[in-house]
């Protein structure tokens, strides 16, 4: 049997699949996987190493660490999937990767509340408005936010079992939201596992550009998963998961200790502020 005959036979084995989309995806997967093997003339040892790599990724994955998401991220597959599904054809806010550290059921805070929950870092006032493409306010939109502390760690990476650096709130009648968070800082993705070894072997940095995660949902609108990034940070041009988009870069204006805050909070440390207006795409 020739190489192509083998590929054709495996592709045909899915012809009787009951689900059309399943058949389409699996047959495309077989064709591309076989083409990869032929193009690279993959050796037995290399294929064994690949299986061992994937096995190690499975072993290190837990409820709070998803090594396969990291692998998808550093290969650019996550961002390519975003580009395919959220092409940014209108004026709606652009999407980016979810990342491996989202947690369901984060605590709710009131407007002006603090998402830090004990996480360390410089305070940052974040505010904005959620609208539809016509500029009309989206009231009651759920705004979910989460971020790392200034040591580059998310709450779920600690053994404390406590949520910090994450929360959700709802927009008011004018579509506005506001909260205290932490000024984002750059950090490495978890690099003590197989994905970290892959990056090291490739001579690539594991660093992520500093960012704050958002997930915004409202009835009648498409779910938005995005970040905002810190303008002027050097890692914005070299994000390890290719997640930065120009439209999502925001200035984080710095204020000295003692400067009056928008909500009258008394701060004896420096703090930053930024604005992020969000446009949701209708279903």
Protein backbone atom coordinates (compact mmCIF):
# COMPACT_ATOMS: atom_id res chain seq x y z
CA UNK A 1 0.00 0.00 0.00
CA UNK A 2 1.39 3.42 -0.94
CA UNK A 3 1.41 6.33 1.51
CA UNK A 4 -1.47 8.03 -0.31
CA UNK A 5 -3.48 4.82 -0.49
CA UNK A 6 -3.17 4.46 3.28
CA UNK A 7 -4.37 8.03 3.80
CA UNK A 8 -7.32 7.50 1.46
CA UNK A 9 -8.28 4.30 3.28
CA UNK A 10 -8.23 5.96 6.71
CA UNK A 11 -10.21 8.96 5.42
CA UNK A 12 -12.80 6.60 3.91
CA UNK A 13 -13.17 4.79 7.23
CA UNK A 14 -15.12 7.81 8.49
CA UNK A 15 -17.53 7.90 5.54
CA UNK A 16 -20.31 6.25 7.55
CA UNK A 17 -20.08 8.58 10.53
CA UNK A 18 -23.58 9.55 11.69
CA UNK A 19 -22.73 13.19 12.30
CA UNK A 20 -21.75 15.26 9.25
CA UNK A 21 -19.59 17.73 11.15
CA UNK A 22 -17.78 14.92 12.98
CA UNK A 23 -17.06 13.28 9.62
CA UNK A 24 -15.77 16.53 8.13
CA UNK A 25 -13.48 17.31 11.07
CA UNK A 26 -12.06 13.80 11.44
CA UNK A 27 -11.37 13.34 7.74
CA UNK A 28 -9.63 16.73 7.61
CA UNK A 29 -7.61 15.80 10.70
CA UNK A 30 -6.47 12.55 9.08
CA UNK A 31 -5.49 14.26 5.82
CA UNK A 32 -3.48 16.99 7.58
CA UNK A 33 -1.86 14.64 10.11
CA UNK A 34 -0.79 12.25 7.37
CA UNK A 35 0.50 15.17 5.29
CA UNK A 36 2.58 16.31 8.28
CA UNK A 37 4.14 12.87 8.64
CA UNK A 38 4.95 12.72 4.93
CA UNK A 39 6.34 16.28 4.78
CA UNK A 40 8.65 15.83 7.78
CA UNK A 41 9.44 12.14 7.12
CA UNK A 42 8.71 11.60 10.80
CA UNK A 43 10.84 8.92 12.46
CA UNK A 44 9.71 6.27 14.93
CA UNK A 45 11.75 7.91 17.70
CA UNK A 46 10.21 11.32 16.98
CA UNK A 47 6.70 9.88 17.07
CA UNK A 48 7.48 8.14 20.36
CA UNK A 49 8.79 11.42 21.77
CA UNK A 50 5.56 13.15 20.70
CA UNK A 51 3.45 10.52 22.47
CA UNK A 52 5.56 10.89 25.61
CA UNK A 53 5.17 14.69 25.42
CA UNK A 54 1.38 14.45 25.21
CA UNK A 55 1.32 11.87 28.00
CA UNK A 56 3.33 14.23 30.23
CA UNK A 57 0.91 17.05 29.39
CA UNK A 58 -1.95 14.86 30.55
CA UNK A 59 -0.21 13.87 33.77
CA UNK A 60 0.51 17.46 34.81
CA UNK A 61 -3.00 18.69 34.01
CA UNK A 62 -5.27 19.23 37.02
CA UNK A 63 -8.54 20.99 37.79
CA UNK A 64 -6.59 24.26 38.09
CA UNK A 65 -3.87 23.73 35.46
CA UNK A 66 -4.63 22.89 31.84
CA UNK A 67 -1.39 22.01 30.04
CA UNK A 68 -3.22 21.34 26.78
CA UNK A 69 -4.61 24.89 26.80
CA UNK A 70 -1.05 26.14 27.29
CA UNK A 71 0.11 24.00 24.37
CA UNK A 72 -2.68 25.34 22.17
CA UNK A 73 -1.79 28.88 23.25
CA UNK A 74 1.95 28.73 22.56
CA UNK A 75 1.38 27.09 19.15
CA UNK A 76 -0.98 29.93 18.20
CA UNK A 77 -3.88 27.53 17.73
CA UNK A 78 -5.97 29.26 20.39
CA UNK A 79 -5.59 32.65 18.72
CA UNK A 80 -6.21 31.16 15.27
CA UNK A 81 -9.45 29.65 16.56
CA UNK A 82 -10.39 33.09 17.91
CA UNK A 83 -9.60 34.64 14.53
CA UNK A 84 -11.77 32.09 12.72
CA UNK A 85 -14.74 32.47 15.05
CA UNK A 86 -14.44 36.16 15.94
CA UNK A 87 -13.00 37.83 12.81
CA UNK A 88 -13.68 41.39 13.99
CA UNK A 89 -15.75 42.38 10.97
CA UNK A 90 -17.56 45.24 12.72
CA UNK A 91 -16.93 47.78 15.46
CA UNK A 92 -17.38 45.30 18.29
CA UNK A 93 -14.56 44.78 20.79
CA UNK A 94 -12.00 42.26 19.60
CA UNK A 95 -11.61 38.88 21.25
CA UNK A 96 -8.52 37.09 22.48
CA UNK A 97 -7.68 33.86 24.30
CA UNK A 98 -9.48 32.61 27.41
CA UNK A 99 -6.31 31.31 29.03
CA UNK A 100 -6.06 28.40 31.47
CA UNK A 101 -7.03 30.19 34.71
CA UNK A 102 -10.70 31.11 34.36
CA UNK A 103 -12.82 29.94 37.30
CA UNK A 104 -16.61 29.67 37.41
CA UNK A 105 -18.61 31.35 40.18
CA UNK A 106 -16.20 34.14 41.08
CA UNK A 107 -17.64 36.41 43.80
CA UNK A 108 -19.90 39.30 42.88
CA UNK A 109 -18.83 42.83 43.79
CA UNK A 110 -20.71 46.13 43.76
CA UNK A 111 -19.71 49.00 41.50
CA UNK A 112 -16.47 50.41 42.82
CA UNK A 113 -15.68 47.17 44.63
CA UNK A 114 -12.25 45.58 44.81
CA UNK A 115 -11.48 42.32 42.99
CA UNK A 116 -8.08 41.88 44.69
CA UNK A 117 -9.40 39.85 47.61
CA UNK A 118 -6.00 39.92 49.27
CA UNK A 119 -3.92 39.49 46.11
CA UNK A 120 -0.78 41.62 46.17
CA UNK A 121 -0.18 44.44 43.72
CA UNK A 122 -0.58 48.10 42.91
CA UNK A 123 -4.21 49.30 43.00
CA UNK A 124 -5.78 50.15 39.65
CA UNK A 125 -9.11 51.85 38.97
CA UNK A 126 -10.82 50.32 35.92
CA UNK A 127 -14.00 51.76 34.44
CA UNK A 128 -15.91 51.74 31.21
CA UNK A 129 -19.19 51.30 29.43
CA UNK A 130 -20.78 48.34 27.65
CA UNK A 131 -22.81 49.20 24.55
CA UNK A 132 -24.19 47.64 21.39
CA UNK A 133 -22.67 48.56 17.99
CA UNK A 134 -25.06 51.52 17.78
CA UNK A 135 -23.79 53.02 21.03
CA UNK A 136 -26.84 52.06 23.07
CA UNK A 137 -26.09 50.99 26.64
CA UNK A 138 -26.28 47.32 27.56
CA UNK A 139 -27.73 47.29 31.07
CA UNK A 140 -27.27 44.26 33.30
CA UNK A 141 -24.36 42.81 31.32
CA UNK A 142 -22.26 40.45 33.41
CA UNK A 143 -18.64 41.61 33.47
CA UNK A 144 -16.30 38.86 34.67
CA UNK A 145 -12.69 39.91 35.41
CA UNK A 146 -9.61 38.04 36.62
CA UNK A 147 -5.85 38.61 36.77
CA UNK A 148 -2.55 37.56 38.29
CA UNK A 149 -0.98 39.22 41.32
CA UNK A 150 2.29 41.16 41.14
CA UNK A 151 4.23 37.91 41.60
CA UNK A 152 2.71 36.67 38.35
CA UNK A 153 0.53 34.08 40.08
CA UNK A 154 -3.21 33.46 39.82
CA UNK A 155 -5.12 32.48 42.94
CA UNK A 156 -5.61 28.90 41.74
CA UNK A 157 -1.83 28.44 41.49
CA UNK A 158 -1.54 28.74 45.27
CA UNK A 159 -2.50 26.05 47.79
CA UNK A 160 -4.62 28.42 49.85
CA UNK A 161 -7.89 27.45 48.21
CA UNK A 162 -9.12 31.05 48.32
CA UNK A 163 -10.28 33.11 45.33
CA UNK A 164 -8.46 36.39 44.80
CA UNK A 165 -7.85 38.70 41.86
CA UNK A 166 -11.19 37.80 40.31
CA UNK A 167 -14.84 38.81 40.58
CA UNK A 168 -17.89 39.73 38.54
CA UNK A 169 -20.25 42.68 38.49
CA UNK A 170 -23.19 43.89 36.41
CA UNK A 171 -23.46 47.05 34.34
CA UNK A 172 -25.87 49.76 35.50
CA UNK A 173 -28.75 51.29 33.51
CA UNK A 174 -26.27 53.33 31.47
CA UNK A 175 -24.12 50.28 30.72
CA UNK A 176 -21.36 51.50 33.01
CA UNK A 177 -19.08 49.47 35.27
CA UNK A 178 -16.20 50.36 37.59
CA UNK A 179 -14.00 48.47 40.02
CA UNK A 180 -10.64 48.39 41.74
CA UNK A 181 -8.18 45.80 40.47
CA UNK A 182 -4.41 45.50 40.27
CA UNK A 183 -2.11 47.11 37.74
CA UNK A 184 -1.25 44.18 35.43
CA UNK A 185 2.36 42.99 35.43
CA UNK A 186 4.15 40.61 33.03
CA UNK A 187 4.56 37.01 34.11
CA UNK A 188 5.66 33.66 32.69
CA UNK A 189 3.11 31.05 31.80
CA UNK A 190 3.67 27.88 33.86
CA UNK A 191 6.95 26.60 32.40
CA UNK A 192 7.80 23.73 34.73
CA UNK A 193 6.09 21.15 32.53
CA UNK A 194 6.31 19.83 28.96
CA UNK A 195 5.16 23.12 27.37
CA UNK A 196 7.89 24.98 29.26
CA UNK A 197 10.47 22.47 28.02
CA UNK A 198 9.18 22.95 24.47
CA UNK A 199 9.61 26.74 24.72
CA UNK A 200 13.09 26.37 26.21
CA UNK A 201 14.16 24.03 23.43
CA UNK A 202 12.79 26.49 20.88
CA UNK A 203 14.62 29.43 22.46
CA UNK A 204 11.30 31.15 23.16
CA UNK A 205 10.32 33.17 26.21
CA UNK A 206 7.38 32.02 28.36
CA UNK A 207 6.49 35.63 29.25
CA UNK A 208 3.00 37.00 28.80
CA UNK A 209 2.37 40.69 28.24
CA UNK A 210 0.68 42.24 31.30
CA UNK A 211 -3.08 42.01 30.97
CA UNK A 212 -6.46 41.93 32.67
CA UNK A 213 -8.99 39.31 31.57
CA UNK A 214 -12.61 40.11 30.72
CA UNK A 215 -15.59 37.92 29.90
CA UNK A 216 -18.76 39.86 29.13
CA UNK A 217 -22.18 38.30 28.59
CA UNK A 218 -25.66 39.70 28.06
CA UNK A 219 -28.90 38.30 26.59
CA UNK A 220 -29.09 38.82 22.85
CA UNK A 221 -25.34 39.34 22.45
CA UNK A 222 -22.40 37.10 21.65
CA UNK A 223 -20.17 36.27 24.59
CA UNK A 224 -16.98 38.34 24.56
CA UNK A 225 -13.70 36.90 25.86
CA UNK A 226 -10.89 39.43 25.79
CA UNK A 227 -8.03 41.15 27.68
CA UNK A 228 -6.72 44.65 27.99
CA UNK A 229 -2.95 45.14 27.80
CA UNK A 230 -0.69 47.80 29.31
CA UNK A 231 0.53 50.36 26.79
CA UNK A 232 4.30 50.81 26.70
CA UNK A 233 5.19 47.48 28.25
CA UNK A 234 8.00 45.77 26.28
CA UNK A 235 6.28 42.37 26.35
CA UNK A 236 3.32 43.70 24.37
CA UNK A 237 5.37 43.03 21.22
CA UNK A 238 6.44 39.53 22.29
CA UNK A 239 3.52 37.85 24.02
CA UNK A 240 4.15 34.11 24.36
CA UNK A 241 0.59 33.17 23.34
CA UNK A 242 0.23 35.76 20.54
CA UNK A 243 -2.80 37.26 22.31
CA UNK A 244 -2.13 40.98 21.91
CA UNK A 245 -4.28 43.05 19.54
CA UNK A 246 -3.62 46.73 18.95
CA UNK A 247 -7.19 47.71 19.79
CA UNK A 248 -6.89 46.11 23.24
CA UNK A 249 -3.82 48.07 24.38
CA UNK A 250 -4.75 50.69 26.98
CA UNK A 251 -2.80 53.36 28.85
CA UNK A 252 -2.69 52.79 32.58
CA UNK A 253 -2.23 56.33 33.89
CA UNK A 254 -0.10 56.54 37.01
CA UNK A 255 -1.08 58.63 40.04
CA UNK A 256 1.12 59.44 43.01
CA UNK A 257 0.27 58.43 46.57
CA UNK A 258 -2.33 60.74 48.08
CA UNK A 259 -3.85 61.73 44.73
CA UNK A 260 -7.66 61.82 45.04
CA UNK A 261 -9.30 58.70 43.62
CA UNK A 262 -12.52 58.65 41.54
CA UNK A 263 -14.49 57.15 44.43
CA UNK A 264 -12.82 58.95 47.34
CA UNK A 265 -10.79 55.96 48.45
CA UNK A 266 -7.82 56.94 50.58
CA UNK A 267 -4.62 55.44 49.17
CA UNK A 268 -1.18 55.94 50.65
CA UNK A 269 0.45 54.23 47.67
CA UNK A 270 0.71 55.02 43.98
CA UNK A 271 -2.15 53.76 41.83
CA UNK A 272 -3.17 53.62 38.18
CA UNK A 273 -6.37 54.12 36.23
CA UNK A 274 -7.64 53.06 32.84
CA UNK A 275 -10.84 53.10 30.78
CA UNK A 276 -12.11 50.23 28.68
CA UNK A 277 -15.32 50.75 26.72
CA UNK A 278 -16.77 47.51 25.39
CA UNK A 279 -18.94 46.99 22.31
CA UNK A 280 -20.82 43.69 22.21
CA UNK A 281 -21.80 42.00 18.96
CA UNK A 282 -25.46 41.04 18.65
CA UNK A 283 -26.38 37.39 18.21
